[in-house]
Amino acid sequence: MHPNKDKLYKMLVDEGMIDELGNPTQRAINEGLVEVASNNPIERFKAENPLFAHIPDEHFKVQNNQVLMDCYAVRVAATTILNDPSATQEQKENAQSLLDEVNKLDHNEWH
């Protein structure tokens, strides 16, 4: 199933789940439909980048207020995009390029 983004957006606004900017409403938060990210930078990063949400936290770390990820996390994200039928050609090309670069790196490094 591939929902139309415009229709989904309109429905969520009409239902009061998000505002016109796409932010969750207090109602959505109160009803538990949306979780508010804590002050944990990794949780915030994953909330802002749902592509990484299912990757275990051990594959992320914070250094100088920046969230870094290991090669496993980068590889999972790139592979997810490559296998997504709704991804654009540009997204797939970028994911393949990223995957090619990760495969050249020391897999013990953080990126």
PDB file of N, CA and C in Angstrom:
ATOM      1  N   MET A   1       0.839  -1.175   0.000  1.00  0.00           N
ATOM      2  CA  MET A   1       0.000   0.000   0.000  1.00  0.00           C
ATOM      3  C   MET A   1       0.888   1.242   0.000  1.00  0.00           C
ATOM      4  N   HIS A   2       0.642   2.152  -0.910  1.00  0.00           N
ATOM      5  CA  HIS A   2       1.404   3.389  -1.011  1.00  0.00           C
ATOM      6  C   HIS A   2       0.437   4.570  -0.915  1.00  0.00           C
ATOM      7  N   PRO A   3       0.220   5.093   0.312  1.00  0.00           N
ATOM      8  CA  PRO A   3      -0.734   6.200   0.452  1.00  0.00           C
ATOM      9  C   PRO A   3      -0.217   7.472  -0.199  1.00  0.00           C
ATOM     10  N   ASN A   4      -1.133   8.272  -0.671  1.00  0.00           N
ATOM     11  CA  ASN A   4      -0.806   9.572  -1.241  1.00  0.00           C
ATOM     12  C   ASN A   4      -0.434  10.501  -0.094  1.00  0.00           C
ATOM     13  N   LYS A   5       0.759  11.089  -0.135  1.00  0.00           N
ATOM     14  CA  LYS A   5       1.251  11.924   0.962  1.00  0.00           C
ATOM     15  C   LYS A   5       0.367  13.134   1.208  1.00  0.00           C
ATOM     16  N   ASP A   6      -0.133  13.747   0.138  1.00  0.00           N
ATOM     17  CA  ASP A   6      -0.992  14.919   0.298  1.00  0.00           C
ATOM     18  C   ASP A   6      -2.286  14.569   1.015  1.00  0.00           C
ATOM     19  N   LYS A   7      -2.875  13.448   0.647  1.00  0.00           N
ATOM     20  CA  LYS A   7      -4.123  13.031   1.293  1.00  0.00           C
ATOM     21  C   LYS A   7      -3.879  12.656   2.752  1.00  0.00           C
ATOM     22  N   LEU A   8      -2.772  11.973   3.007  1.00  0.00           N
ATOM     23  CA  LEU A   8      -2.434  11.590   4.371  1.00  0.00           C
ATOM     24  C   LEU A   8      -2.212  12.836   5.225  1.00  0.00           C
ATOM     25  N   TYR A   9      -1.466  13.797   4.706  1.00  0.00           N
ATOM     26  CA  TYR A   9      -1.226  15.060   5.405  1.00  0.00           C
ATOM     27  C   TYR A   9      -2.549  15.747   5.730  1.00  0.00           C
ATOM     28  N   LYS A  10      -3.420  15.881   4.736  1.00  0.00           N
ATOM     29  CA  LYS A  10      -4.710  16.553   4.943  1.00  0.00           C
ATOM     30  C   LYS A  10      -5.541  15.823   5.990  1.00  0.00           C
ATOM     31  N   MET A  11      -5.554  14.503   5.935  1.00  0.00           N
ATOM     32  CA  MET A  11      -6.325  13.726   6.901  1.00  0.00           C
ATOM     33  C   MET A  11      -5.792  13.948   8.325  1.00  0.00           C
ATOM     34  N   LEU A  12      -4.472  13.941   8.492  1.00  0.00           N
ATOM     35  CA  LEU A  12      -3.884  14.133   9.819  1.00  0.00           C
ATOM     36  C   LEU A  12      -4.153  15.532  10.353  1.00  0.00           C
ATOM     37  N   VAL A  13      -4.133  16.543   9.467  1.00  0.00           N
ATOM     38  CA  VAL A  13      -4.465  17.905   9.885  1.00  0.00           C
ATOM     39  C   VAL A  13      -5.939  17.976  10.256  1.00  0.00           C
ATOM     40  N   ASP A  14      -6.806  17.420   9.407  1.00  0.00           N
ATOM     41  CA  ASP A  14      -8.245  17.440   9.671  1.00  0.00           C
ATOM     42  C   ASP A  14      -8.605  16.733  10.978  1.00  0.00           C
ATOM     43  N   GLU A  15      -7.879  15.664  11.299  1.00  0.00           N
ATOM     44  CA  GLU A  15      -8.130  14.907  12.527  1.00  0.00           C
ATOM     45  C   GLU A  15      -7.493  15.559  13.749  1.00  0.00           C
ATOM     46  N   GLY A  16      -6.701  16.614  13.530  1.00  0.00           N
ATOM     47  CA  GLY A  16      -6.068  17.301  14.645  1.00  0.00           C
ATOM     48  C   GLY A  16      -4.852  16.580  15.201  1.00  0.00           C
ATOM     49  N   MET A  17      -4.251  15.707  14.404  1.00  0.00           N
ATOM     50  CA  MET A  17      -3.072  14.966  14.858  1.00  0.00           C
ATOM     51  C   MET A  17      -1.782  15.745  14.597  1.00  0.00           C
ATOM     52  N   ILE A  18      -1.775  16.553  13.520  1.00  0.00           N
ATOM     53  CA  ILE A  18      -0.628  17.410  13.235  1.00  0.00           C
ATOM     54  C   ILE A  18      -1.149  18.791  12.873  1.00  0.00           C
ATOM     55  N   ASP A  19      -0.261  19.798  13.026  1.00  0.00           N
ATOM     56  CA  ASP A  19      -0.636  21.141  12.593  1.00  0.00           C
ATOM     57  C   ASP A  19      -0.244  21.323  11.127  1.00  0.00           C
ATOM     58  N   GLU A  20      -0.455  22.513  10.595  1.00  0.00           N
ATOM     59  CA  GLU A  20      -0.198  22.771   9.181  1.00  0.00           C
ATOM     60  C   GLU A  20       1.280  22.622   8.819  1.00  0.00           C
ATOM     61  N   LEU A  21       2.169  22.719   9.810  1.00  0.00           N
ATOM     62  CA  LEU A  21       3.605  22.570   9.560  1.00  0.00           C
ATOM     63  C   LEU A  21       4.075  21.123   9.692  1.00  0.00           C
ATOM     64  N   GLY A  22       3.141  20.230  10.046  1.00  0.00           N
ATOM     65  CA  GLY A  22       3.494  18.819  10.180  1.00  0.00           C
ATOM     66  C   GLY A  22       3.932  18.418  11.576  1.00  0.00           C
ATOM     67  N   ASN A  23       3.846  19.340  12.524  1.00  0.00           N
ATOM     68  CA  ASN A  23       4.222  19.026  13.904  1.00  0.00           C
ATOM     69  C   ASN A  23       3.065  18.365  14.632  1.00  0.00           C
ATOM     70  N   PRO A  24       3.349  17.434  15.532  1.00  0.00           N
ATOM     71  CA  PRO A  24       2.262  16.785  16.268  1.00  0.00           C
ATOM     72  C   PRO A  24       1.545  17.783  17.169  1.00  0.00           C
ATOM     73  N   THR A  25       0.250  17.607  17.298  1.00  0.00           N
ATOM     74  CA  THR A  25      -0.535  18.467  18.185  1.00  0.00           C
ATOM     75  C   THR A  25      -0.458  17.922  19.605  1.00  0.00           C
ATOM     76  N   GLN A  26      -0.857  18.758  20.543  1.00  0.00           N
ATOM     77  CA  GLN A  26      -0.886  18.311  21.942  1.00  0.00           C
ATOM     78  C   GLN A  26      -1.850  17.146  22.087  1.00  0.00           C
ATOM     79  N   ARG A  27      -2.928  17.157  21.337  1.00  0.00           N
ATOM     80  CA  ARG A  27      -3.901  16.057  21.376  1.00  0.00           C
ATOM     81  C   ARG A  27      -3.227  14.730  20.996  1.00  0.00           C
ATOM     82  N   ALA A  28      -2.443  14.745  19.922  1.00  0.00           N
ATOM     83  CA  ALA A  28      -1.759  13.524  19.485  1.00  0.00           C
ATOM     84  C   ALA A  28      -0.791  13.038  20.563  1.00  0.00           C
ATOM     85  N   ILE A  29      -0.109  13.977  21.214  1.00  0.00           N
ATOM     86  CA  ILE A  29       0.816  13.610  22.287  1.00  0.00           C
ATOM     87  C   ILE A  29       0.050  13.036  23.471  1.00  0.00           C
ATOM     88  N   ASN A  30      -1.035  13.717  23.865  1.00  0.00           N
ATOM     89  CA  ASN A  30      -1.834  13.271  25.020  1.00  0.00           C
ATOM     90  C   ASN A  30      -2.444  11.895  24.795  1.00  0.00           C
ATOM     91  N   GLU A  31      -2.828  11.612  23.563  1.00  0.00           N
ATOM     92  CA  GLU A  31      -3.448  10.326  23.253  1.00  0.00           C
ATOM     93  C   GLU A  31      -2.415   9.226  23.018  1.00  0.00           C
ATOM     94  N   GLY A  32      -1.145   9.564  23.145  1.00  0.00           N
ATOM     95  CA  GLY A  32      -0.091   8.569  23.003  1.00  0.00           C
ATOM     96  C   GLY A  32       0.180   8.150  21.570  1.00  0.00           C
ATOM     97  N   LEU A  33      -0.311   8.927  20.613  1.00  0.00           N
ATOM     98  CA  LEU A  33      -0.088   8.599  19.207  1.00  0.00           C
ATOM     99  C   LEU A  33       1.291   9.036  18.739  1.00  0.00           C
ATOM    100  N   VAL A  34       1.876   9.947  19.487  1.00  0.00           N
ATOM    101  CA  VAL A  34       3.189  10.477  19.155  1.00  0.00           C
ATOM    102  C   VAL A  34       3.996  10.511  20.440  1.00  0.00           C
ATOM    103  N   GLU A  35       5.232  10.079  20.357  1.00  0.00           N
ATOM    104  CA  GLU A  35       6.125  10.188  21.497  1.00  0.00           C
ATOM    105  C   GLU A  35       6.982  11.420  21.317  1.00  0.00           C
ATOM    106  N   VAL A  36       7.175  12.130  22.399  1.00  0.00           N
ATOM    107  CA  VAL A  36       8.042  13.302  22.368  1.00  0.00           C
ATOM    108  C   VAL A  36       9.442  12.843  22.743  1.00  0.00           C
ATOM    109  N   ALA A  37      10.394  13.168  21.909  1.00  0.00           N
ATOM    110  CA  ALA A  37      11.774  12.753  22.162  1.00  0.00           C
ATOM    111  C   ALA A  37      12.300  13.436  23.413  1.00  0.00           C
ATOM    112  N   SER A  38      13.055  12.704  24.161  1.00  0.00           N
ATOM    113  CA  SER A  38      13.636  13.241  25.386  1.00  0.00           C
ATOM    114  C   SER A  38      14.855  14.092  25.040  1.00  0.00           C
ATOM    115  N   ASN A  39      15.597  14.424  26.052  1.00  0.00           N
ATOM    116  CA  ASN A  39      16.824  15.190  25.835  1.00  0.00           C
ATOM    117  C   ASN A  39      17.964  14.305  25.365  1.00  0.00           C
ATOM    118  N   ASN A  40      17.709  13.031  25.218  1.00  0.00           N
ATOM    119  CA  ASN A  40      18.721  12.098  24.736  1.00  0.00           C
ATOM    120  C   ASN A  40      18.952  12.381  23.254  1.00  0.00           C
ATOM    121  N   PRO A  41      20.173  12.791  22.879  1.00  0.00           N
ATOM    122  CA  PRO A  41      20.437  13.146  21.478  1.00  0.00           C
ATOM    123  C   PRO A  41      20.186  11.994  20.498  1.00  0.00           C
ATOM    124  N   ILE A  42      20.450  10.767  20.917  1.00  0.00           N
ATOM    125  CA  ILE A  42      20.213   9.619  20.026  1.00  0.00           C
ATOM    126  C   ILE A  42      18.716   9.435  19.803  1.00  0.00           C
ATOM    127  N   GLU A  43      17.916   9.556  20.869  1.00  0.00           N
ATOM    128  CA  GLU A  43      16.464   9.435  20.717  1.00  0.00           C
ATOM    129  C   GLU A  43      15.921  10.541  19.817  1.00  0.00           C
ATOM    130  N   ARG A  44      16.422  11.765  20.004  1.00  0.00           N
ATOM    131  CA  ARG A  44      15.979  12.879  19.156  1.00  0.00           C
ATOM    132  C   ARG A  44      16.358  12.632  17.708  1.00  0.00           C
ATOM    133  N   PHE A  45      17.603  12.175  17.478  1.00  0.00           N
ATOM    134  CA  PHE A  45      18.056  11.888  16.120  1.00  0.00           C
ATOM    135  C   PHE A  45      17.159  10.846  15.457  1.00  0.00           C
ATOM    136  N   LYS A  46      16.852   9.781  16.192  1.00  0.00           N
ATOM    137  CA  LYS A  46      16.012   8.719  15.628  1.00  0.00           C
ATOM    138  C   LYS A  46      14.583   9.191  15.401  1.00  0.00           C
ATOM    139  N   ALA A  47      14.097  10.087  16.262  1.00  0.00           N
ATOM    140  CA  ALA A  47      12.743  10.628  16.072  1.00  0.00           C
ATOM    141  C   ALA A  47      12.689  11.515  14.831  1.00  0.00           C
ATOM    142  N   GLU A  48      13.767  12.252  14.575  1.00  0.00           N
ATOM    143  CA  GLU A  48      13.826  13.133  13.417  1.00  0.00           C
ATOM    144  C   GLU A  48      14.166  12.387  12.132  1.00  0.00           C
ATOM    145  N   ASN A  49      14.729  11.202  12.275  1.00  0.00           N
ATOM    146  CA  ASN A  49      15.162  10.401  11.123  1.00  0.00           C
ATOM    147  C   ASN A  49      14.621   8.979  11.273  1.00  0.00           C
ATOM    148  N   PRO A  50      13.343   8.788  11.004  1.00  0.00           N
ATOM    149  CA  PRO A  50      12.708   7.494  11.257  1.00  0.00           C
ATOM    150  C   PRO A  50      13.361   6.310  10.545  1.00  0.00           C
ATOM    151  N   LEU A  51      14.128   6.562   9.523  1.00  0.00           N
ATOM    152  CA  LEU A  51      14.834   5.499   8.823  1.00  0.00           C
ATOM    153  C   LEU A  51      15.759   4.742   9.784  1.00  0.00           C
ATOM    154  N   PHE A  52      16.224   5.427  10.830  1.00  0.00           N
ATOM    155  CA  PHE A  52      17.147   4.826  11.786  1.00  0.00           C
ATOM    156  C   PHE A  52      16.459   4.326  13.047  1.00  0.00           C
ATOM    157  N   ALA A  53      15.153   4.527  13.169  1.00  0.00           N
ATOM    158  CA  ALA A  53      14.441   4.239  14.416  1.00  0.00           C
ATOM    159  C   ALA A  53      14.575   2.792  14.866  1.00  0.00           C
ATOM    160  N   HIS A  54      14.604   1.850  13.953  1.00  0.00           N
ATOM    161  CA  HIS A  54      14.628   0.434  14.330  1.00  0.00           C
ATOM    162  C   HIS A  54      16.038  -0.102  14.583  1.00  0.00           C
ATOM    163  N   ILE A  55      17.055   0.712  14.364  1.00  0.00           N
ATOM    164  CA  ILE A  55      18.440   0.271  14.579  1.00  0.00           C
ATOM    165  C   ILE A  55      18.765   0.441  16.064  1.00  0.00           C
ATOM    166  N   PRO A  56      19.278  -0.599  16.711  1.00  0.00           N
ATOM    167  CA  PRO A  56      19.565  -0.517  18.153  1.00  0.00           C
ATOM    168  C   PRO A  56      20.514   0.637  18.495  1.00  0.00           C
ATOM    169  N   ASP A  57      20.282   1.233  19.655  1.00  0.00           N
ATOM    170  CA  ASP A  57      21.067   2.389  20.102  1.00  0.00           C
ATOM    171  C   ASP A  57      22.556   2.111  20.186  1.00  0.00           C
ATOM    172  N   GLU A  58      22.946   0.876  20.375  1.00  0.00           N
ATOM    173  CA  GLU A  58      24.378   0.568  20.506  1.00  0.00           C
ATOM    174  C   GLU A  58      25.165   0.894  19.237  1.00  0.00           C
ATOM    175  N   HIS A  59      24.455   1.134  18.137  1.00  0.00           N
ATOM    176  CA  HIS A  59      25.117   1.477  16.879  1.00  0.00           C
ATOM    177  C   HIS A  59      25.267   2.990  16.695  1.00  0.00           C
ATOM    178  N   PHE A  60      24.925   3.747  17.760  1.00  0.00           N
ATOM    179  CA  PHE A  60      25.021   5.203  17.749  1.00  0.00           C
ATOM    180  C   PHE A  60      25.803   5.661  18.971  1.00  0.00           C
ATOM    181  N   LYS A  61      26.469   6.802  18.839  1.00  0.00           N
ATOM    182  CA  LYS A  61      27.085   7.444  19.996  1.00  0.00           C
ATOM    183  C   LYS A  61      27.107   8.940  19.751  1.00  0.00           C
ATOM    184  N   VAL A  62      27.289   9.704  20.823  1.00  0.00           N
ATOM    185  CA  VAL A  62      27.318  11.160  20.731  1.00  0.00           C
ATOM    186  C   VAL A  62      28.746  11.621  21.002  1.00  0.00           C
ATOM    187  N   GLN A  63      29.238  12.451  20.102  1.00  0.00           N
ATOM    188  CA  GLN A  63      30.579  13.010  20.247  1.00  0.00           C
ATOM    189  C   GLN A  63      30.523  14.463  19.817  1.00  0.00           C
ATOM    190  N   ASN A  64      30.943  15.374  20.686  1.00  0.00           N
ATOM    191  CA  ASN A  64      30.898  16.815  20.390  1.00  0.00           C
ATOM    192  C   ASN A  64      29.500  17.254  19.964  1.00  0.00           C
ATOM    193  N   ASN A  65      28.490  16.793  20.676  1.00  0.00           N
ATOM    194  CA  ASN A  65      27.080  17.125  20.413  1.00  0.00           C
ATOM    195  C   ASN A  65      26.596  16.671  19.036  1.00  0.00           C
ATOM    196  N   GLN A  66      27.273  15.720  18.455  1.00  0.00           N
ATOM    197  CA  GLN A  66      26.878  15.187  17.152  1.00  0.00           C
ATOM    198  C   GLN A  66      26.642  13.692  17.292  1.00  0.00           C
ATOM    199  N   VAL A  67      25.564  13.208  16.697  1.00  0.00           N
ATOM    200  CA  VAL A  67      25.267  11.777  16.726  1.00  0.00           C
ATOM    201  C   VAL A  67      26.058  11.097  15.621  1.00  0.00           C
ATOM    202  N   LEU A  68      26.838  10.118  16.007  1.00  0.00           N
ATOM    203  CA  LEU A  68      27.614   9.327  15.058  1.00  0.00           C
ATOM    204  C   LEU A  68      27.035   7.926  15.015  1.00  0.00           C
ATOM    205  N   MET A  69      27.262   7.239  13.908  1.00  0.00           N
ATOM    206  CA  MET A  69      26.778   5.863  13.787  1.00  0.00           C
ATOM    207  C   MET A  69      27.895   4.992  13.254  1.00  0.00           C
ATOM    208  N   ASP A  70      27.785   3.716  13.555  1.00  0.00           N
ATOM    209  CA  ASP A  70      28.798   2.796  13.047  1.00  0.00           C
ATOM    210  C   ASP A  70      28.423   2.346  11.639  1.00  0.00           C
ATOM    211  N   CYS A  71      29.318   1.587  11.032  1.00  0.00           N
ATOM    212  CA  CYS A  71      29.102   1.142   9.652  1.00  0.00           C
ATOM    213  C   CYS A  71      27.833   0.314   9.510  1.00  0.00           C
ATOM    214  N   TYR A  72      27.519  -0.465  10.520  1.00  0.00           N
ATOM    215  CA  TYR A  72      26.304  -1.288  10.468  1.00  0.00           C
ATOM    216  C   TYR A  72      25.079  -0.396  10.258  1.00  0.00           C
ATOM    217  N   ALA A  73      24.953   0.686  11.047  1.00  0.00           N
ATOM    218  CA  ALA A  73      23.784   1.566  10.949  1.00  0.00           C
ATOM    219  C   ALA A  73      23.712   2.228   9.576  1.00  0.00           C
ATOM    220  N   VAL A  74      24.841   2.676   9.067  1.00  0.00           N
ATOM    221  CA  VAL A  74      24.867   3.310   7.742  1.00  0.00           C
ATOM    222  C   VAL A  74      24.465   2.293   6.675  1.00  0.00           C
ATOM    223  N   ARG A  75      24.995   1.083   6.790  1.00  0.00           N
ATOM    224  CA  ARG A  75      24.691   0.035   5.816  1.00  0.00           C
ATOM    225  C   ARG A  75      23.197  -0.329   5.837  1.00  0.00           C
ATOM    226  N   VAL A  76      22.626  -0.443   7.035  1.00  0.00           N
ATOM    227  CA  VAL A  76      21.198  -0.773   7.143  1.00  0.00           C
ATOM    228  C   VAL A  76      20.345   0.322   6.504  1.00  0.00           C
ATOM    229  N   ALA A  77      20.662   1.581   6.794  1.00  0.00           N
ATOM    230  CA  ALA A  77      19.880   2.690   6.237  1.00  0.00           C
ATOM    231  C   ALA A  77      19.986   2.726   4.713  1.00  0.00           C
ATOM    232  N   ALA A  78      21.193   2.578   4.182  1.00  0.00           N
ATOM    233  CA  ALA A  78      21.386   2.611   2.732  1.00  0.00           C
ATOM    234  C   ALA A  78      20.659   1.450   2.058  1.00  0.00           C
ATOM    235  N   THR A  79      20.740   0.279   2.655  1.00  0.00           N
ATOM    236  CA  THR A  79      20.071  -0.896   2.084  1.00  0.00           C
ATOM    237  C   THR A  79      18.558  -0.735   2.119  1.00  0.00           C
ATOM    238  N   THR A  80      18.047  -0.136   3.186  1.00  0.00           N
ATOM    239  CA  THR A  80      16.606   0.107   3.294  1.00  0.00           C
ATOM    240  C   THR A  80      16.136   0.998   2.157  1.00  0.00           C
ATOM    241  N   ILE A  81      16.892   2.042   1.875  1.00  0.00           N
ATOM    242  CA  ILE A  81      16.532   2.956   0.780  1.00  0.00           C
ATOM    243  C   ILE A  81      16.597   2.228  -0.565  1.00  0.00           C
ATOM    244  N   LEU A  82      17.640   1.440  -0.766  1.00  0.00           N
ATOM    245  CA  LEU A  82      17.784   0.719  -2.038  1.00  0.00           C
ATOM    246  C   LEU A  82      16.637  -0.267  -2.270  1.00  0.00           C
ATOM    247  N   ASN A  83      16.076  -0.797  -1.201  1.00  0.00           N
ATOM    248  CA  ASN A  83      14.981  -1.768  -1.326  1.00  0.00           C
ATOM    249  C   ASN A  83      13.600  -1.134  -1.254  1.00  0.00           C
ATOM    250  N   ASP A  84      13.539   0.181  -1.111  1.00  0.00           N
ATOM    251  CA  ASP A  84      12.259   0.882  -0.996  1.00  0.00           C
ATOM    252  C   ASP A  84      11.730   1.222  -2.385  1.00  0.00           C
ATOM    253  N   PRO A  85      10.618   0.608  -2.786  1.00  0.00           N
ATOM    254  CA  PRO A  85      10.090   0.886  -4.124  1.00  0.00           C
ATOM    255  C   PRO A  85       9.624   2.334  -4.305  1.00  0.00           C
ATOM    256  N   SER A  86       9.378   3.047  -3.199  1.00  0.00           N
ATOM    257  CA  SER A  86       8.933   4.441  -3.339  1.00  0.00           C
ATOM    258  C   SER A  86      10.097   5.430  -3.322  1.00  0.00           C
ATOM    259  N   ALA A  87      11.324   4.954  -3.139  1.00  0.00           N
ATOM    260  CA  ALA A  87      12.491   5.848  -3.157  1.00  0.00           C
ATOM    261  C   ALA A  87      12.736   6.341  -4.576  1.00  0.00           C
ATOM    262  N   THR A  88      13.163   7.585  -4.674  1.00  0.00           N
ATOM    263  CA  THR A  88      13.450   8.157  -5.993  1.00  0.00           C
ATOM    264  C   THR A  88      14.778   7.599  -6.511  1.00  0.00           C
ATOM    265  N   GLN A  89      15.000   7.783  -7.784  1.00  0.00           N
ATOM    266  CA  GLN A  89      16.257   7.339  -8.378  1.00  0.00           C
ATOM    267  C   GLN A  89      17.438   8.053  -7.722  1.00  0.00           C
ATOM    268  N   GLU A  90      17.280   9.335  -7.454  1.00  0.00           N
ATOM    269  CA  GLU A  90      18.350  10.104  -6.800  1.00  0.00           C
ATOM    270  C   GLU A  90      18.641   9.560  -5.398  1.00  0.00           C
ATOM    271  N   GLN A  91      17.598   9.243  -4.646  1.00  0.00           N
ATOM    272  CA  GLN A  91      17.793   8.671  -3.314  1.00  0.00           C
ATOM    273  C   GLN A  91      18.532   7.338  -3.402  1.00  0.00           C
ATOM    274  N   LYS A  92      18.154   6.529  -4.380  1.00  0.00           N
ATOM    275  CA  LYS A  92      18.805   5.236  -4.548  1.00  0.00           C
ATOM    276  C   LYS A  92      20.266   5.391  -4.965  1.00  0.00           C
ATOM    277  N   GLU A  93      20.541   6.349  -5.826  1.00  0.00           N
ATOM    278  CA  GLU A  93      21.927   6.594  -6.244  1.00  0.00           C
ATOM    279  C   GLU A  93      22.768   7.074  -5.064  1.00  0.00           C
ATOM    280  N   ASN A  94      22.205   7.974  -4.253  1.00  0.00           N
ATOM    281  CA  ASN A  94      22.913   8.455  -3.065  1.00  0.00           C
ATOM    282  C   ASN A  94      23.152   7.321  -2.071  1.00  0.00           C
ATOM    283  N   ALA A  95      22.159   6.466  -1.895  1.00  0.00           N
ATOM    284  CA  ALA A  95      22.292   5.337  -0.970  1.00  0.00           C
ATOM    285  C   ALA A  95      23.355   4.369  -1.463  1.00  0.00           C
ATOM    286  N   GLN A  96      23.381   4.110  -2.761  1.00  0.00           N
ATOM    287  CA  GLN A  96      24.388   3.201  -3.312  1.00  0.00           C
ATOM    288  C   GLN A  96      25.787   3.788  -3.155  1.00  0.00           C
ATOM    289  N   SER A  97      25.919   5.084  -3.389  1.00  0.00           N
ATOM    290  CA  SER A  97      27.209   5.752  -3.214  1.00  0.00           C
ATOM    291  C   SER A  97      27.669   5.668  -1.759  1.00  0.00           C
ATOM    292  N   LEU A  98      26.750   5.901  -0.848  1.00  0.00           N
ATOM    293  CA  LEU A  98      27.067   5.810   0.576  1.00  0.00           C
ATOM    294  C   LEU A  98      27.464   4.386   0.951  1.00  0.00           C
ATOM    295  N   LEU A  99      26.743   3.423   0.440  1.00  0.00           N
ATOM    296  CA  LEU A  99      27.048   2.018   0.707  1.00  0.00           C
ATOM    297  C   LEU A  99      28.427   1.651   0.160  1.00  0.00           C
ATOM    298  N   ASP A 100      28.747   2.126  -1.027  1.00  0.00           N
ATOM    299  CA  ASP A 100      30.072   1.881  -1.613  1.00  0.00           C
ATOM    300  C   ASP A 100      31.168   2.468  -0.734  1.00  0.00           C
ATOM    301  N   GLU A 101      30.953   3.685  -0.226  1.00  0.00           N
ATOM    302  CA  GLU A 101      31.942   4.333   0.641  1.00  0.00           C
ATOM    303  C   GLU A 101      32.098   3.581   1.964  1.00  0.00           C
ATOM    304  N   VAL A 102      30.999   3.161   2.546  1.00  0.00           N
ATOM    305  CA  VAL A 102      31.050   2.429   3.827  1.00  0.00           C
ATOM    306  C   VAL A 102      31.806   1.123   3.665  1.00  0.00           C
ATOM    307  N   ASN A 103      31.631   0.472   2.544  1.00  0.00           N
ATOM    308  CA  ASN A 103      32.315  -0.799   2.322  1.00  0.00           C
ATOM    309  C   ASN A 103      33.832  -0.637   2.225  1.00  0.00           C
ATOM    310  N   LYS A 104      34.303   0.591   1.976  1.00  0.00           N
ATOM    311  CA  LYS A 104      35.743   0.855   1.897  1.00  0.00           C
ATOM    312  C   LYS A 104      36.346   1.210   3.261  1.00  0.00           C
ATOM    313  N   LEU A 105      35.489   1.489   4.247  1.00  0.00           N
ATOM    314  CA  LEU A 105      35.960   2.008   5.531  1.00  0.00           C
ATOM    315  C   LEU A 105      36.349   0.909   6.510  1.00  0.00           C
ATOM    316  N   ASP A 106      37.098   1.320   7.518  1.00  0.00           N
ATOM    317  CA  ASP A 106      37.387   0.465   8.666  1.00  0.00           C
ATOM    318  C   ASP A 106      36.078   0.319   9.435  1.00  0.00           C
ATOM    319  N   HIS A 107      35.600  -0.877   9.588  1.00  0.00           N
ATOM    320  CA  HIS A 107      34.281  -1.095  10.197  1.00  0.00           C
ATOM    321  C   HIS A 107      34.289  -0.910  11.698  1.00  0.00           C
ATOM    322  N   ASN A 108      35.403  -0.521  12.267  1.00  0.00           N
ATOM    323  CA  ASN A 108      35.466  -0.208  13.684  1.00  0.00           C
ATOM    324  C   ASN A 108      35.378   1.287  13.940  1.00  0.00           C
ATOM    325  N   GLU A 109      35.263   2.086  12.887  1.00  0.00           N
ATOM    326  CA  GLU A 109      35.183   3.528  13.006  1.00  0.00           C
ATOM    327  C   GLU A 109      33.732   3.974  13.110  1.00  0.00           C
ATOM    328  N   TRP A 110      33.557   5.206  13.622  1.00  0.00           N
ATOM    329  CA  TRP A 110      32.233   5.824  13.730  1.00  0.00           C
ATOM    330  C   TRP A 110      32.134   6.935  12.703  1.00  0.00           C
ATOM    331  N   HIS A 111      30.922   7.118  12.128  1.00  0.00           N
ATOM    332  CA  HIS A 111      30.752   8.073  11.043  1.00  0.00           C
ATOM    333  C   HIS A 111      29.551   8.963  11.296  1.00  0.00           C
TER     334      HIS A 111
END
